Amino acid sequence: MATPPRGAGDRQRPPGAVKWRSSLRNTIYDVLSSKKDGWVETESDTDWDFFWADKGWIYHELDKLHLNDWQRVNHFPNHWELTRKDLLIKNLKRAKKQLEREDRYAEASQYNFFPLTFVVPSEYRMFVEEFKRSGGTWIMKPIGQAQGKGIFLFNKLSQISDWKRDHTWRPDEEEVPETYLAQRYIDSPYLVGGKKFDLRIYVLVTNYSPLRVLLYRSGFARFTTTQYSNKKEDINNVYMHLTNVAIQKHAPGLDASKGMKWPIRNLRMFMGSRHGAEAANELFHNMQNLIIRTLLAVQPAMINDKHCFELYGYDILIDQSLKPWLLEVNASPSLSASDKADLTLKTAMLEDMLDIVDMENKREPGKLELKMGGFDLIWDGGPVMRFDKPTSLPTMLGAWLGSACMCCDCNPDHY
């Protein structure tokens, strides 16, 4: 069971404007600033109603404050159980083992959406044993970095000798080396136009006990700028293997006019045209189930706080067999807009998110509709049955938002 909510009494927010703060100066700040009617910015450390805080403030300051019942902040106290790469893997493995102990083998077998992973240097010897046994291409990821920093691929142990020398902990050293994940590389990704991509999907959790999850219909695929190859000589080409925008924007010969993103709705239509509606629907349903199972895996470790909500950015890769793989979950998905379409998506999503958080008490407390703006309620203490009868559309991820397609060119060769 998750920890019960902490907080004060049941007092309502005093009459007057909603006082808000933001640690960030990007789209969330612009959206909050645009709410002129009944919302006002404050720089007070304590006298605020809504605070979009950075992760450092949550770690250092949240536990020091006694929040009023109505105050809301955008991270759960120990969000890192989901968003730190090594803890995410630990919780997924633990959930699978617990299901097996309960003889729920069918459900345990569904926790197969993350690659074989070792935490190094603590599990370095186990990793070496597996590498010598099975070989293949692996990827090293630092747990404390973002935007593709520090990531590299290798297919020989000699290729990580420099890393091992730099990261081997010795008892007489005060500083503990940075922790990495050694993860089997998914070397058969699904390609569009010959290029690799992954998906950024937005998930809003308003409560962990009971678990309440809303999935945003839109999102985007992030493409590499270079044609994919799994040849050994291309192993160090980050513009071929890593989809992070922070990396791809520096690619040689980048044509910025073509962009590096594709709306998820376009991808769903493309998959349907290539593989049929049934296969495309199954793929997107499997991605939704992956999201739910990940949150169920971390739920026992999460501190549930009624003052908190969290907007996560899930990064998911699809392989050639149309199987989705979880890459990571971001506690602070980028809200900076790279182009007009990106700004449109993120602005609409954040406005819908604020409606759900409901600082102005427009809804009956605790009540959510099945669809709220672009968000769909997919878990509310249990699965949400959206349809009264079997349907060919088992998830609304990538479905129509009610507005025109955000991409001016739906041809995948555009990328």
Foldseek 3Di string as FASTA:
>chain_A
DAADADADDDDADDDAAAEEEEPDDALLVVLQVVPPPRYDYDPDPAPGAEYAYDPVCLAPPPVVDHHHLRHAYADFSCNCCAFQVVNLVVLLVVVLVVCVVVVVNVVSVLSPQAFDKDKPPVCVVVVVVVCVVPFAKKKKAFRPDDLPPPIAMDRDPVVCPVVCVVQPDDPVDPDHGTMIMIGHDQQFFDDFLQWFKKWKWKKKWQWLVVTWIKTFQKTKIFTQPDGEDPDPVCRGPCSRRPRRPVPRVPDPPDDPVLPGIDMLLLVLVVCCVVPNLLLSLVLVVSVVVNVVSSSVSCSHVTHTHNNYMFMKIWIWTAGPVSHIHTDGIHRCPDLHAPDDLSSVVSSQVSVQVCVVSCSPCPDDPPDDDQDGQRIGTQADSHGDDPDPDDDSRPDSRSPDRPDDGSDPDSRSNSD
